[in-house]
Amino acid sequence: MFYASFPLSYPIRQYPPVNPTLFTQSATTAQTLMNDASVILKKLASSKSFAISVMSAAQEGKTKEVQRMIQSLGIKSKVDLYFNPDGIRFTLSPPAGSFSCCQLVIGLRWNIFPLPS
């Protein structure tokens, strides 16, 4: 029978020094995205007519119209949209030309299709 021998000590991995500058800058930028997301969600939650307009335009495939409605809320973040018959997804990113460090994705449902029995 053969037994492999292992060294008694293992090399310790050296990590670079921690520098939180980029990390804290990302967190600060993410706070702006959160604020813009809050504006969008507040409007959708408080204005049934706005929610209906967004849903209708999305279901008709009018991406530019949905984009225009969201930007009309005065947000500064770049918003990419994706929607399907179940709902909508907003991906908020820092505006063009600024520090691209993070994204915030929000998915909202407006329909739940039952599974076939």
Protein backbone atom coordinates (compact mmCIF):
# COMPACT_ATOMS: atom_id res chain seq x y z
CA MET A 1 0.00 0.00 0.00
CA PHE A 2 1.26 3.50 -0.86
CA TYR A 3 0.65 6.58 1.27
CA ALA A 4 1.29 10.06 -0.08
CA SER A 5 3.23 12.29 2.19
CA PHE A 6 2.11 15.89 2.61
CA PRO A 7 4.25 18.74 3.81
CA LEU A 8 3.71 19.60 7.43
CA SER A 9 3.40 23.31 6.72
CA TYR A 10 1.49 25.00 3.93
CA PRO A 11 2.50 28.31 2.37
CA ILE A 12 0.42 31.23 3.60
CA ARG A 13 -1.18 33.24 0.83
CA GLN A 14 -0.27 36.90 0.83
CA TYR A 15 -3.09 39.33 0.09
CA PRO A 16 -2.57 42.88 -1.11
CA PRO A 17 -3.21 45.64 1.41
CA VAL A 18 -6.84 46.65 1.70
CA ASN A 19 -7.74 49.96 0.04
CA PRO A 20 -11.43 50.85 0.50
CA THR A 21 -11.38 53.91 -1.81
CA LEU A 22 -13.07 52.24 -4.81
CA PHE A 23 -15.38 50.26 -2.53
CA THR A 24 -16.65 53.35 -0.70
CA GLN A 25 -16.98 55.27 -3.98
CA SER A 26 -19.08 52.39 -5.34
CA ALA A 27 -21.27 52.47 -2.23
CA THR A 28 -21.77 56.22 -2.58
CA THR A 29 -22.74 55.86 -6.24
CA ALA A 30 -25.07 52.97 -5.36
CA GLN A 31 -26.86 55.27 -2.91
CA THR A 32 -27.71 57.56 -5.84
CA LEU A 33 -29.08 54.57 -7.75
CA MET A 34 -31.15 53.63 -4.69
CA ASN A 35 -32.55 57.17 -4.48
CA ASP A 36 -33.55 57.09 -8.14
CA ALA A 37 -35.08 53.63 -7.68
CA SER A 38 -37.07 55.01 -4.76
CA VAL A 39 -38.46 57.79 -6.97
CA ILE A 40 -39.55 55.25 -9.60
CA LEU A 41 -41.11 52.87 -7.08
CA LYS A 42 -42.86 55.66 -5.19
CA LYS A 43 -44.48 56.94 -8.40
CA LEU A 44 -45.55 53.46 -9.52
CA ALA A 45 -46.97 52.71 -6.06
CA SER A 46 -48.79 56.01 -5.59
CA SER A 47 -50.12 56.76 -9.08
CA LYS A 48 -52.43 54.15 -10.54
CA SER A 49 -52.68 56.15 -13.79
CA PHE A 50 -48.88 56.25 -14.14
CA ALA A 51 -48.66 52.50 -13.44
CA ILE A 52 -51.35 51.81 -16.05
CA SER A 53 -49.53 53.97 -18.60
CA VAL A 54 -46.23 52.18 -18.00
CA MET A 55 -47.84 48.74 -18.15
CA SER A 56 -49.82 49.53 -21.30
CA ALA A 57 -46.83 50.96 -23.15
CA ALA A 58 -44.65 48.03 -22.07
CA GLN A 59 -47.19 45.42 -23.11
CA GLU A 60 -47.45 47.14 -26.50
CA GLY A 61 -43.65 46.97 -26.85
CA LYS A 62 -43.19 50.75 -26.73
CA THR A 63 -39.79 50.75 -25.07
CA LYS A 64 -39.00 54.37 -25.90
CA GLU A 65 -42.30 55.53 -24.42
CA VAL A 66 -41.68 53.60 -21.18
CA GLN A 67 -38.15 55.04 -21.10
CA ARG A 68 -39.54 58.57 -21.58
CA MET A 69 -42.06 58.11 -18.76
CA ILE A 70 -39.40 56.85 -16.35
CA GLN A 71 -36.95 59.64 -17.25
CA SER A 72 -39.77 62.20 -16.82
CA LEU A 73 -39.54 61.49 -13.08
CA GLY A 74 -36.30 63.50 -12.98
CA ILE A 75 -33.94 60.63 -12.21
CA LYS A 76 -30.26 60.97 -13.08
CA SER A 77 -29.40 57.29 -13.45
CA LYS A 78 -29.26 55.48 -16.77
CA VAL A 79 -32.18 53.04 -16.92
CA ASP A 80 -32.24 49.95 -19.11
CA LEU A 81 -35.62 48.27 -19.42
CA TYR A 82 -36.70 44.74 -20.07
CA PHE A 83 -40.31 43.63 -20.02
CA ASN A 84 -42.34 40.58 -20.90
CA PRO A 85 -45.95 39.49 -20.27
CA ASP A 86 -45.11 38.82 -16.59
CA GLY A 87 -43.61 42.16 -15.61
CA ILE A 88 -40.80 44.65 -15.99
CA ARG A 89 -37.14 44.87 -14.96
CA PHE A 90 -35.33 48.17 -14.44
CA THR A 91 -31.52 48.15 -14.43
CA LEU A 92 -30.19 51.41 -13.03
CA SER A 93 -26.58 52.40 -13.73
CA PRO A 94 -24.59 55.58 -13.22
CA PRO A 95 -25.18 58.10 -16.02
CA ALA A 96 -22.94 58.02 -19.10
CA GLY A 97 -19.56 59.63 -18.52
CA SER A 98 -19.53 58.98 -14.78
CA PHE A 99 -17.87 56.31 -12.66
CA SER A 100 -19.26 52.94 -13.82
CA CYS A 101 -19.04 50.89 -10.67
CA CYS A 102 -22.35 49.34 -9.95
CA GLN A 103 -25.89 48.52 -11.02
CA LEU A 104 -29.19 48.16 -9.27
CA VAL A 105 -31.77 45.78 -10.72
CA ILE A 106 -35.44 45.90 -9.78
CA GLY A 107 -37.96 43.39 -11.06
CA LEU A 108 -41.68 43.99 -10.69
CA ARG A 109 -44.44 41.58 -11.65
CA TRP A 110 -47.85 42.48 -12.99
CA ASN A 111 -49.03 39.05 -14.01
CA ILE A 112 -48.66 35.50 -12.77
CA PHE A 113 -49.55 32.85 -15.26
CA PRO A 114 -50.86 29.69 -13.58
CA LEU A 115 -49.10 26.47 -14.37
CA PRO A 116 -51.16 23.97 -16.33
CA SER A 117 -52.68 21.24 -14.15
